[in-house]
PDB file of N, CA and C in Angstrom:
ATOM      1  N   UNK A   1      15.261  -1.771   1.793  1.00  0.00           N
ATOM      2  CA  UNK A   1      15.231  -1.794   0.342  1.00  0.00           C
ATOM      3  C   UNK A   1      15.765  -0.479  -0.212  1.00  0.00           C
ATOM      4  N   UNK A   2      16.566   0.206   0.567  1.00  0.00           N
ATOM      5  CA  UNK A   2      17.085   1.487   0.110  1.00  0.00           C
ATOM      6  C   UNK A   2      17.965   1.352  -1.120  1.00  0.00           C
ATOM      7  N   UNK A   3      18.691   0.234  -1.213  1.00  0.00           N
ATOM      8  CA  UNK A   3      19.570   0.058  -2.353  1.00  0.00           C
ATOM      9  C   UNK A   3      18.780  -0.310  -3.621  1.00  0.00           C
ATOM     10  N   UNK A   4      17.527  -0.636  -3.482  1.00  0.00           N
ATOM     11  CA  UNK A   4      16.684  -0.985  -4.616  1.00  0.00           C
ATOM     12  C   UNK A   4      15.631   0.092  -4.824  1.00  0.00           C
ATOM     13  N   UNK A   5      15.405   0.429  -6.056  1.00  0.00           N
ATOM     14  CA  UNK A   5      14.419   1.462  -6.358  1.00  0.00           C
ATOM     15  C   UNK A   5      13.088   0.826  -6.714  1.00  0.00           C
ATOM     16  N   UNK A   6      12.056   1.273  -6.048  1.00  0.00           N
ATOM     17  CA  UNK A   6      10.698   0.811  -6.339  1.00  0.00           C
ATOM     18  C   UNK A   6      10.109   1.696  -7.429  1.00  0.00           C
ATOM     19  N   UNK A   7       9.421   1.081  -8.361  1.00  0.00           N
ATOM     20  CA  UNK A   7       8.756   1.888  -9.381  1.00  0.00           C
ATOM     21  C   UNK A   7       7.456   2.455  -8.823  1.00  0.00           C
ATOM     22  N   UNK A   8       6.853   3.339  -9.565  1.00  0.00           N
ATOM     23  CA  UNK A   8       5.658   4.046  -9.099  1.00  0.00           C
ATOM     24  C   UNK A   8       4.496   3.091  -8.834  1.00  0.00           C
ATOM     25  N   UNK A   9       4.366   2.060  -9.641  1.00  0.00           N
ATOM     26  CA  UNK A   9       3.286   1.086  -9.452  1.00  0.00           C
ATOM     27  C   UNK A   9       3.473   0.311  -8.151  1.00  0.00           C
ATOM     28  N   UNK A  10       4.702  -0.080  -7.848  1.00  0.00           N
ATOM     29  CA  UNK A  10       4.965  -0.788  -6.589  1.00  0.00           C
ATOM     30  C   UNK A  10       4.627   0.088  -5.396  1.00  0.00           C
ATOM     31  N   UNK A  11       5.025   1.342  -5.449  1.00  0.00           N
ATOM     32  CA  UNK A  11       4.731   2.271  -4.359  1.00  0.00           C
ATOM     33  C   UNK A  11       3.223   2.442  -4.207  1.00  0.00           C
ATOM     34  N   UNK A  12       2.499   2.511  -5.309  1.00  0.00           N
ATOM     35  CA  UNK A  12       1.046   2.640  -5.268  1.00  0.00           C
ATOM     36  C   UNK A  12       0.422   1.469  -4.514  1.00  0.00           C
ATOM     37  N   UNK A  13       0.823   0.247  -4.847  1.00  0.00           N
ATOM     38  CA  UNK A  13       0.229  -0.930  -4.204  1.00  0.00           C
ATOM     39  C   UNK A  13       0.685  -1.059  -2.747  1.00  0.00           C
ATOM     40  N   UNK A  14       1.911  -0.671  -2.435  1.00  0.00           N
ATOM     41  CA  UNK A  14       2.357  -0.657  -1.041  1.00  0.00           C
ATOM     42  C   UNK A  14       1.530   0.330  -0.224  1.00  0.00           C
ATOM     43  N   UNK A  15       1.254   1.479  -0.807  1.00  0.00           N
ATOM     44  CA  UNK A  15       0.442   2.484  -0.124  1.00  0.00           C
ATOM     45  C   UNK A  15      -0.961   1.963   0.141  1.00  0.00           C
ATOM     46  N   UNK A  16      -1.532   1.280  -0.830  1.00  0.00           N
ATOM     47  CA  UNK A  16      -2.868   0.707  -0.649  1.00  0.00           C
ATOM     48  C   UNK A  16      -2.863  -0.380   0.422  1.00  0.00           C
ATOM     49  N   UNK A  17      -1.804  -1.205   0.451  1.00  0.00           N
ATOM     50  CA  UNK A  17      -1.695  -2.237   1.483  1.00  0.00           C
ATOM     51  C   UNK A  17      -1.584  -1.590   2.861  1.00  0.00           C
ATOM     52  N   UNK A  18      -0.774  -0.545   2.984  1.00  0.00           N
ATOM     53  CA  UNK A  18      -0.592   0.128   4.273  1.00  0.00           C
ATOM     54  C   UNK A  18      -1.897   0.776   4.734  1.00  0.00           C
ATOM     55  N   UNK A  19      -2.628   1.388   3.816  1.00  0.00           N
ATOM     56  CA  UNK A  19      -3.903   2.012   4.168  1.00  0.00           C
ATOM     57  C   UNK A  19      -4.897   0.970   4.652  1.00  0.00           C
ATOM     58  N   UNK A  20      -4.980  -0.166   3.959  1.00  0.00           N
ATOM     59  CA  UNK A  20      -5.900  -1.233   4.353  1.00  0.00           C
ATOM     60  C   UNK A  20      -5.522  -1.803   5.723  1.00  0.00           C
ATOM     61  N   UNK A  21      -4.235  -2.022   5.935  1.00  0.00           N
ATOM     62  CA  UNK A  21      -3.777  -2.560   7.217  1.00  0.00           C
ATOM     63  C   UNK A  21      -4.092  -1.603   8.359  1.00  0.00           C
ATOM     64  N   UNK A  22      -3.966  -0.319   8.095  1.00  0.00           N
ATOM     65  CA  UNK A  22      -4.246   0.656   9.145  1.00  0.00           C
ATOM     66  C   UNK A  22      -5.740   0.818   9.382  1.00  0.00           C
ATOM     67  N   UNK A  23      -6.516   0.910   8.312  1.00  0.00           N
ATOM     68  CA  UNK A  23      -7.944   1.175   8.484  1.00  0.00           C
ATOM     69  C   UNK A  23      -8.716  -0.033   9.017  1.00  0.00           C
ATOM     70  N   UNK A  24      -8.342  -1.215   8.620  1.00  0.00           N
ATOM     71  CA  UNK A  24      -9.099  -2.396   9.047  1.00  0.00           C
ATOM     72  C   UNK A  24      -8.487  -3.101  10.260  1.00  0.00           C
ATOM     73  N   UNK A  25      -7.153  -3.150  10.315  1.00  0.00           N
ATOM     74  CA  UNK A  25      -6.486  -3.938  11.357  1.00  0.00           C
ATOM     75  C   UNK A  25      -5.740  -3.088  12.378  1.00  0.00           C
ATOM     76  N   UNK A  26      -5.787  -1.761  12.217  1.00  0.00           N
ATOM     77  CA  UNK A  26      -5.126  -0.833  13.139  1.00  0.00           C
ATOM     78  C   UNK A  26      -3.626  -1.085  13.240  1.00  0.00           C
ATOM     79  N   UNK A  27      -3.041  -1.570  12.152  1.00  0.00           N
ATOM     80  CA  UNK A  27      -1.595  -1.774  12.069  1.00  0.00           C
ATOM     81  C   UNK A  27      -1.016  -0.606  11.287  1.00  0.00           C
ATOM     82  N   UNK A  28       0.063  -0.050  11.800  1.00  0.00           N
ATOM     83  CA  UNK A  28       0.659   1.129  11.182  1.00  0.00           C
ATOM     84  C   UNK A  28       2.045   0.774  10.661  1.00  0.00           C
ATOM     85  N   UNK A  29       2.256   1.046   9.393  1.00  0.00           N
ATOM     86  CA  UNK A  29       3.541   0.798   8.752  1.00  0.00           C
ATOM     87  C   UNK A  29       4.033   2.095   8.120  1.00  0.00           C
ATOM     88  N   UNK A  30       5.301   2.400   8.333  1.00  0.00           N
ATOM     89  CA  UNK A  30       5.910   3.590   7.738  1.00  0.00           C
ATOM     90  C   UNK A  30       6.631   3.164   6.459  1.00  0.00           C
ATOM     91  N   UNK A  31       6.202   3.685   5.348  1.00  0.00           N
ATOM     92  CA  UNK A  31       6.739   3.253   4.060  1.00  0.00           C
ATOM     93  C   UNK A  31       8.147   3.771   3.803  1.00  0.00           C
ATOM     94  N   UNK A  32       8.663   4.612   4.671  1.00  0.00           N
ATOM     95  CA  UNK A  32      10.031   5.090   4.520  1.00  0.00           C
ATOM     96  C   UNK A  32      11.013   4.240   5.319  1.00  0.00           C
ATOM     97  N   UNK A  33      10.515   3.304   6.085  1.00  0.00           N
ATOM     98  CA  UNK A  33      11.337   2.441   6.925  1.00  0.00           C
ATOM     99  C   UNK A  33      11.416   1.058   6.282  1.00  0.00           C
ATOM    100  N   UNK A  34      12.650   0.583   6.025  1.00  0.00           N
ATOM    101  CA  UNK A  34      12.824  -0.708   5.357  1.00  0.00           C
ATOM    102  C   UNK A  34      12.199  -1.866   6.129  1.00  0.00           C
ATOM    103  N   UNK A  35      12.368  -1.881   7.448  1.00  0.00           N
ATOM    104  CA  UNK A  35      11.818  -2.974   8.254  1.00  0.00           C
ATOM    105  C   UNK A  35      10.292  -2.978   8.196  1.00  0.00           C
ATOM    106  N   UNK A  36       9.703  -1.796   8.223  1.00  0.00           N
ATOM    107  CA  UNK A  36       8.242  -1.699   8.122  1.00  0.00           C
ATOM    108  C   UNK A  36       7.742  -2.164   6.756  1.00  0.00           C
ATOM    109  N   UNK A  37       8.479  -1.846   5.706  1.00  0.00           N
ATOM    110  CA  UNK A  37       8.087  -2.306   4.366  1.00  0.00           C
ATOM    111  C   UNK A  37       8.049  -3.827   4.311  1.00  0.00           C
ATOM    112  N   UNK A  38       9.085  -4.445   4.825  1.00  0.00           N
ATOM    113  CA  UNK A  38       9.148  -5.912   4.812  1.00  0.00           C
ATOM    114  C   UNK A  38       8.042  -6.490   5.681  1.00  0.00           C
ATOM    115  N   UNK A  39       7.783  -5.898   6.848  1.00  0.00           N
ATOM    116  CA  UNK A  39       6.708  -6.384   7.720  1.00  0.00           C
ATOM    117  C   UNK A  39       5.339  -6.221   7.067  1.00  0.00           C
ATOM    118  N   UNK A  40       5.133  -5.129   6.367  1.00  0.00           N
ATOM    119  CA  UNK A  40       3.875  -4.925   5.638  1.00  0.00           C
ATOM    120  C   UNK A  40       3.702  -5.996   4.572  1.00  0.00           C
ATOM    121  N   UNK A  41       4.756  -6.291   3.835  1.00  0.00           N
ATOM    122  CA  UNK A  41       4.687  -7.315   2.786  1.00  0.00           C
ATOM    123  C   UNK A  41       4.426  -8.681   3.406  1.00  0.00           C
ATOM    124  N   UNK A  42       5.079  -8.975   4.519  1.00  0.00           N
ATOM    125  CA  UNK A  42       4.828 -10.249   5.220  1.00  0.00           C
ATOM    126  C   UNK A  42       3.386 -10.340   5.710  1.00  0.00           C
ATOM    127  N   UNK A  43       2.887  -9.250   6.280  1.00  0.00           N
ATOM    128  CA  UNK A  43       1.514  -9.227   6.773  1.00  0.00           C
ATOM    129  C   UNK A  43       0.530  -9.466   5.628  1.00  0.00           C
ATOM    130  N   UNK A  44       0.729  -8.794   4.516  1.00  0.00           N
ATOM    131  CA  UNK A  44      -0.160  -8.964   3.362  1.00  0.00           C
ATOM    132  C   UNK A  44      -0.061 -10.376   2.803  1.00  0.00           C
ATOM    133  N   UNK A  45       1.137 -10.946   2.805  1.00  0.00           N
ATOM    134  CA  UNK A  45       1.332 -12.298   2.280  1.00  0.00           C
ATOM    135  C   UNK A  45       0.634 -13.337   3.147  1.00  0.00           C
ATOM    136  N   UNK A  46       0.601 -13.120   4.446  1.00  0.00           N
ATOM    137  CA  UNK A  46       0.003 -14.117   5.339  1.00  0.00           C
ATOM    138  C   UNK A  46      -1.474 -13.870   5.615  1.00  0.00           C
ATOM    139  N   UNK A  47      -1.989 -12.752   5.177  1.00  0.00           N
ATOM    140  CA  UNK A  47      -3.369 -12.380   5.468  1.00  0.00           C
ATOM    141  C   UNK A  47      -4.367 -13.152   4.601  1.00  0.00           C
ATOM    142  N   UNK A  48      -5.581 -13.256   5.109  1.00  0.00           N
ATOM    143  CA  UNK A  48      -6.672 -13.837   4.324  1.00  0.00           C
ATOM    144  C   UNK A  48      -7.575 -12.747   3.753  1.00  0.00           C
ATOM    145  N   UNK A  49      -7.229 -11.508   4.009  1.00  0.00           N
ATOM    146  CA  UNK A  49      -7.979 -10.354   3.509  1.00  0.00           C
ATOM    147  C   UNK A  49      -7.780 -10.247   2.000  1.00  0.00           C
ATOM    148  N   UNK A  50      -8.856 -10.304   1.251  1.00  0.00           N
ATOM    149  CA  UNK A  50      -8.782 -10.340  -0.210  1.00  0.00           C
ATOM    150  C   UNK A  50      -8.177  -9.056  -0.787  1.00  0.00           C
ATOM    151  N   UNK A  51      -8.468  -7.919  -0.170  1.00  0.00           N
ATOM    152  CA  UNK A  51      -7.899  -6.649  -0.648  1.00  0.00           C
ATOM    153  C   UNK A  51      -6.387  -6.611  -0.447  1.00  0.00           C
ATOM    154  N   UNK A  52      -5.934  -7.034   0.722  1.00  0.00           N
ATOM    155  CA  UNK A  52      -4.498  -7.090   0.968  1.00  0.00           C
ATOM    156  C   UNK A  52      -3.819  -8.070   0.025  1.00  0.00           C
ATOM    157  N   UNK A  53      -4.409  -9.222  -0.139  1.00  0.00           N
ATOM    158  CA  UNK A  53      -3.823 -10.243  -1.030  1.00  0.00           C
ATOM    159  C   UNK A  53      -3.766  -9.740  -2.473  1.00  0.00           C
ATOM    160  N   UNK A  54      -4.823  -9.079  -2.923  1.00  0.00           N
ATOM    161  CA  UNK A  54      -4.854  -8.558  -4.282  1.00  0.00           C
ATOM    162  C   UNK A  54      -3.756  -7.520  -4.494  1.00  0.00           C
ATOM    163  N   UNK A  55      -3.624  -6.604  -3.555  1.00  0.00           N
ATOM    164  CA  UNK A  55      -2.600  -5.579  -3.689  1.00  0.00           C
ATOM    165  C   UNK A  55      -1.194  -6.158  -3.562  1.00  0.00           C
ATOM    166  N   UNK A  56      -1.026  -7.172  -2.716  1.00  0.00           N
ATOM    167  CA  UNK A  56       0.278  -7.832  -2.642  1.00  0.00           C
ATOM    168  C   UNK A  56       0.609  -8.501  -3.962  1.00  0.00           C
ATOM    169  N   UNK A  57      -0.366  -9.167  -4.557  1.00  0.00           N
ATOM    170  CA  UNK A  57      -0.139  -9.830  -5.835  1.00  0.00           C
ATOM    171  C   UNK A  57       0.213  -8.813  -6.923  1.00  0.00           C
ATOM    172  N   UNK A  58      -0.523  -7.713  -6.968  1.00  0.00           N
ATOM    173  CA  UNK A  58      -0.231  -6.671  -7.960  1.00  0.00           C
ATOM    174  C   UNK A  58       1.114  -6.009  -7.694  1.00  0.00           C
ATOM    175  N   UNK A  59       1.456  -5.824  -6.433  1.00  0.00           N
ATOM    176  CA  UNK A  59       2.785  -5.310  -6.081  1.00  0.00           C
ATOM    177  C   UNK A  59       3.856  -6.243  -6.623  1.00  0.00           C
ATOM    178  N   UNK A  60       3.693  -7.531  -6.346  1.00  0.00           N
ATOM    179  CA  UNK A  60       4.719  -8.504  -6.723  1.00  0.00           C
ATOM    180  C   UNK A  60       4.840  -8.641  -8.240  1.00  0.00           C
ATOM    181  N   UNK A  61       3.731  -8.648  -8.927  1.00  0.00           N
ATOM    182  CA  UNK A  61       3.752  -8.755 -10.392  1.00  0.00           C
ATOM    183  C   UNK A  61       4.520  -7.588 -11.012  1.00  0.00           C
ATOM    184  N   UNK A  62       4.364  -6.403 -10.450  1.00  0.00           N
ATOM    185  CA  UNK A  62       4.972  -5.209 -11.011  1.00  0.00           C
ATOM    186  C   UNK A  62       6.367  -4.908 -10.480  1.00  0.00           C
ATOM    187  N   UNK A  63       6.851  -5.719  -9.559  1.00  0.00           N
ATOM    188  CA  UNK A  63       8.190  -5.494  -9.000  1.00  0.00           C
ATOM    189  C   UNK A  63       9.273  -5.833 -10.015  1.00  0.00           C
ATOM    190  N   UNK A  64      10.334  -5.055 -10.027  1.00  0.00           N
ATOM    191  CA  UNK A  64      11.505  -5.432 -10.828  1.00  0.00           C
ATOM    192  C   UNK A  64      12.113  -6.724 -10.278  1.00  0.00           C
ATOM    193  N   UNK A  65      12.780  -7.448 -11.133  1.00  0.00           N
ATOM    194  CA  UNK A  65      13.348  -8.740 -10.746  1.00  0.00           C
ATOM    195  C   UNK A  65      14.350  -8.631  -9.603  1.00  0.00           C
ATOM    196  N   UNK A  66      15.114  -7.550  -9.546  1.00  0.00           N
ATOM    197  CA  UNK A  66      16.084  -7.435  -8.454  1.00  0.00           C
ATOM    198  C   UNK A  66      15.407  -7.298  -7.094  1.00  0.00           C
ATOM    199  N   UNK A  67      14.245  -6.697  -7.044  1.00  0.00           N
ATOM    200  CA  UNK A  67      13.510  -6.598  -5.785  1.00  0.00           C
ATOM    201  C   UNK A  67      12.918  -7.953  -5.419  1.00  0.00           C
ATOM    202  N   UNK A  68      12.398  -8.676  -6.399  1.00  0.00           N
ATOM    203  CA  UNK A  68      11.886 -10.025  -6.126  1.00  0.00           C
ATOM    204  C   UNK A  68      12.996 -10.908  -5.589  1.00  0.00           C
ATOM    205  N   UNK A  69      14.180 -10.834  -6.212  1.00  0.00           N
ATOM    206  CA  UNK A  69      15.318 -11.627  -5.742  1.00  0.00           C
ATOM    207  C   UNK A  69      15.717 -11.244  -4.320  1.00  0.00           C
ATOM    208  N   UNK A  70      15.706  -9.946  -4.030  1.00  0.00           N
ATOM    209  CA  UNK A  70      16.039  -9.459  -2.685  1.00  0.00           C
ATOM    210  C   UNK A  70      15.038  -9.991  -1.656  1.00  0.00           C
ATOM    211  N   UNK A  71      13.758  -9.915  -1.955  1.00  0.00           N
ATOM    212  CA  UNK A  71      12.737 -10.399  -1.024  1.00  0.00           C
ATOM    213  C   UNK A  71      12.848 -11.906  -0.814  1.00  0.00           C
ATOM    214  N   UNK A  72      13.107 -12.639  -1.880  1.00  0.00           N
ATOM    215  CA  UNK A  72      13.219 -14.095  -1.760  1.00  0.00           C
ATOM    216  C   UNK A  72      14.465 -14.515  -1.000  1.00  0.00           C
ATOM    217  N   UNK A  73      15.596 -13.911  -1.318  1.00  0.00           N
ATOM    218  CA  UNK A  73      16.844 -14.358  -0.706  1.00  0.00           C
ATOM    219  C   UNK A  73      17.035 -13.835   0.716  1.00  0.00           C
ATOM    220  N   UNK A  74      16.643 -12.605   0.994  1.00  0.00           N
ATOM    221  CA  UNK A  74      16.902 -12.014   2.307  1.00  0.00           C
ATOM    222  C   UNK A  74      15.749 -12.156   3.289  1.00  0.00           C
ATOM    223  N   UNK A  75      14.526 -12.306   2.787  1.00  0.00           N
ATOM    224  CA  UNK A  75      13.370 -12.297   3.692  1.00  0.00           C
ATOM    225  C   UNK A  75      12.429 -13.480   3.483  1.00  0.00           C
ATOM    226  N   UNK A  76      12.777 -14.389   2.614  1.00  0.00           N
ATOM    227  CA  UNK A  76      11.984 -15.599   2.361  1.00  0.00           C
ATOM    228  C   UNK A  76      10.531 -15.269   1.990  1.00  0.00           C
ATOM    229  N   UNK A  77      10.358 -14.225   1.188  1.00  0.00           N
ATOM    230  CA  UNK A  77       9.040 -13.844   0.674  1.00  0.00           C
ATOM    231  C   UNK A  77       9.013 -14.226  -0.793  1.00  0.00           C
ATOM    232  N   UNK A  78       8.100 -15.112  -1.152  1.00  0.00           N
ATOM    233  CA  UNK A  78       8.046 -15.648  -2.504  1.00  0.00           C
ATOM    234  C   UNK A  78       6.799 -15.178  -3.230  1.00  0.00           C
ATOM    235  N   UNK A  79       6.759 -15.498  -4.488  1.00  0.00           N
ATOM    236  CA  UNK A  79       5.643 -15.104  -5.334  1.00  0.00           C
ATOM    237  C   UNK A  79       4.320 -15.612  -4.765  1.00  0.00           C
ATOM    238  N   UNK A  80       3.313 -14.751  -4.687  1.00  0.00           N
ATOM    239  CA  UNK A  80       2.006 -15.208  -4.205  1.00  0.00           C
ATOM    240  C   UNK A  80       1.331 -16.149  -5.192  1.00  0.00           C
ATOM    241  N   UNK A  81       1.806 -16.199  -6.423  1.00  0.00           N
ATOM    242  CA  UNK A  81       1.197 -17.073  -7.415  1.00  0.00           C
ATOM    243  C   UNK A  81       1.673 -18.516  -7.301  1.00  0.00           C
ATOM    244  N   UNK A  82       2.790 -18.749  -6.603  1.00  0.00           N
ATOM    245  CA  UNK A  82       3.327 -20.108  -6.489  1.00  0.00           C
ATOM    246  C   UNK A  82       2.350 -21.075  -5.848  1.00  0.00           C
ATOM    247  N   UNK A  83       1.628 -20.602  -4.842  1.00  0.00           N
ATOM    248  CA  UNK A  83       0.711 -21.516  -4.141  1.00  0.00           C
ATOM    249  C   UNK A  83      -0.507 -21.880  -4.966  1.00  0.00           C
ATOM    250  N   UNK A  84      -0.753 -21.150  -6.056  1.00  0.00           N
ATOM    251  CA  UNK A  84      -1.924 -21.429  -6.892  1.00  0.00           C
ATOM    252  C   UNK A  84      -1.563 -22.168  -8.177  1.00  0.00           C
ATOM    253  N   UNK A  85      -0.285 -22.410  -8.425  1.00  0.00           N
ATOM    254  CA  UNK A  85       0.121 -23.089  -9.659  1.00  0.00           C
ATOM    255  C   UNK A  85      -0.384 -24.507  -9.728  1.00  0.00           C
ATOM    256  N   UNK A  86      -0.484 -25.180  -8.588  1.00  0.00           N
ATOM    257  CA  UNK A  86      -0.959 -26.557  -8.590  1.00  0.00           C
ATOM    258  C   UNK A  86      -2.438 -26.649  -8.923  1.00  0.00           C
ATOM    259  N   UNK A  87      -3.178 -25.557  -8.800  1.00  0.00           N
ATOM    260  CA  UNK A  87      -4.593 -25.553  -9.121  1.00  0.00           C
ATOM    261  C   UNK A  87      -4.837 -25.569 -10.628  1.00  0.00           C
ATOM    262  N   UNK A  88      -3.817 -25.279 -11.401  1.00  0.00           N
ATOM    263  CA  UNK A  88      -3.976 -25.236 -12.851  1.00  0.00           C
ATOM    264  C   UNK A  88      -4.286 -26.600 -13.449  1.00  0.00           C
ATOM    265  N   UNK A  89      -3.999 -27.679 -12.731  1.00  0.00           N
ATOM    266  CA  UNK A  89      -4.246 -29.011 -13.264  1.00  0.00           C
ATOM    267  C   UNK A  89      -5.670 -29.508 -12.974  1.00  0.00           C
ATOM    268  N   UNK A  90      -6.473 -28.707 -12.305  1.00  0.00           N
ATOM    269  CA  UNK A  90      -7.850 -29.137 -11.983  1.00  0.00           C
ATOM    270  C   UNK A  90      -8.719 -29.212 -13.224  1.00  0.00           C
TER     271      UNK A  90
END
């Protein structure tokens, strides 16, 4: 994601996700490495950990559109809110 600039809020939530992954799951991600960033986002997206999911959702909400497009087109990472849209009809 070097060609894309992350805003301060995105970096904050990525840092929180990395800290949670390291402290609870002993997974280490380097936030300066593009592959590690994508792996951290994938891990948070697939996790059932509420803290990771919350920070992933807040990361995604605050991401600029070009980063969302990059994640969707290059890494098949989609909005975490998509899976909950069908619940709105309950």
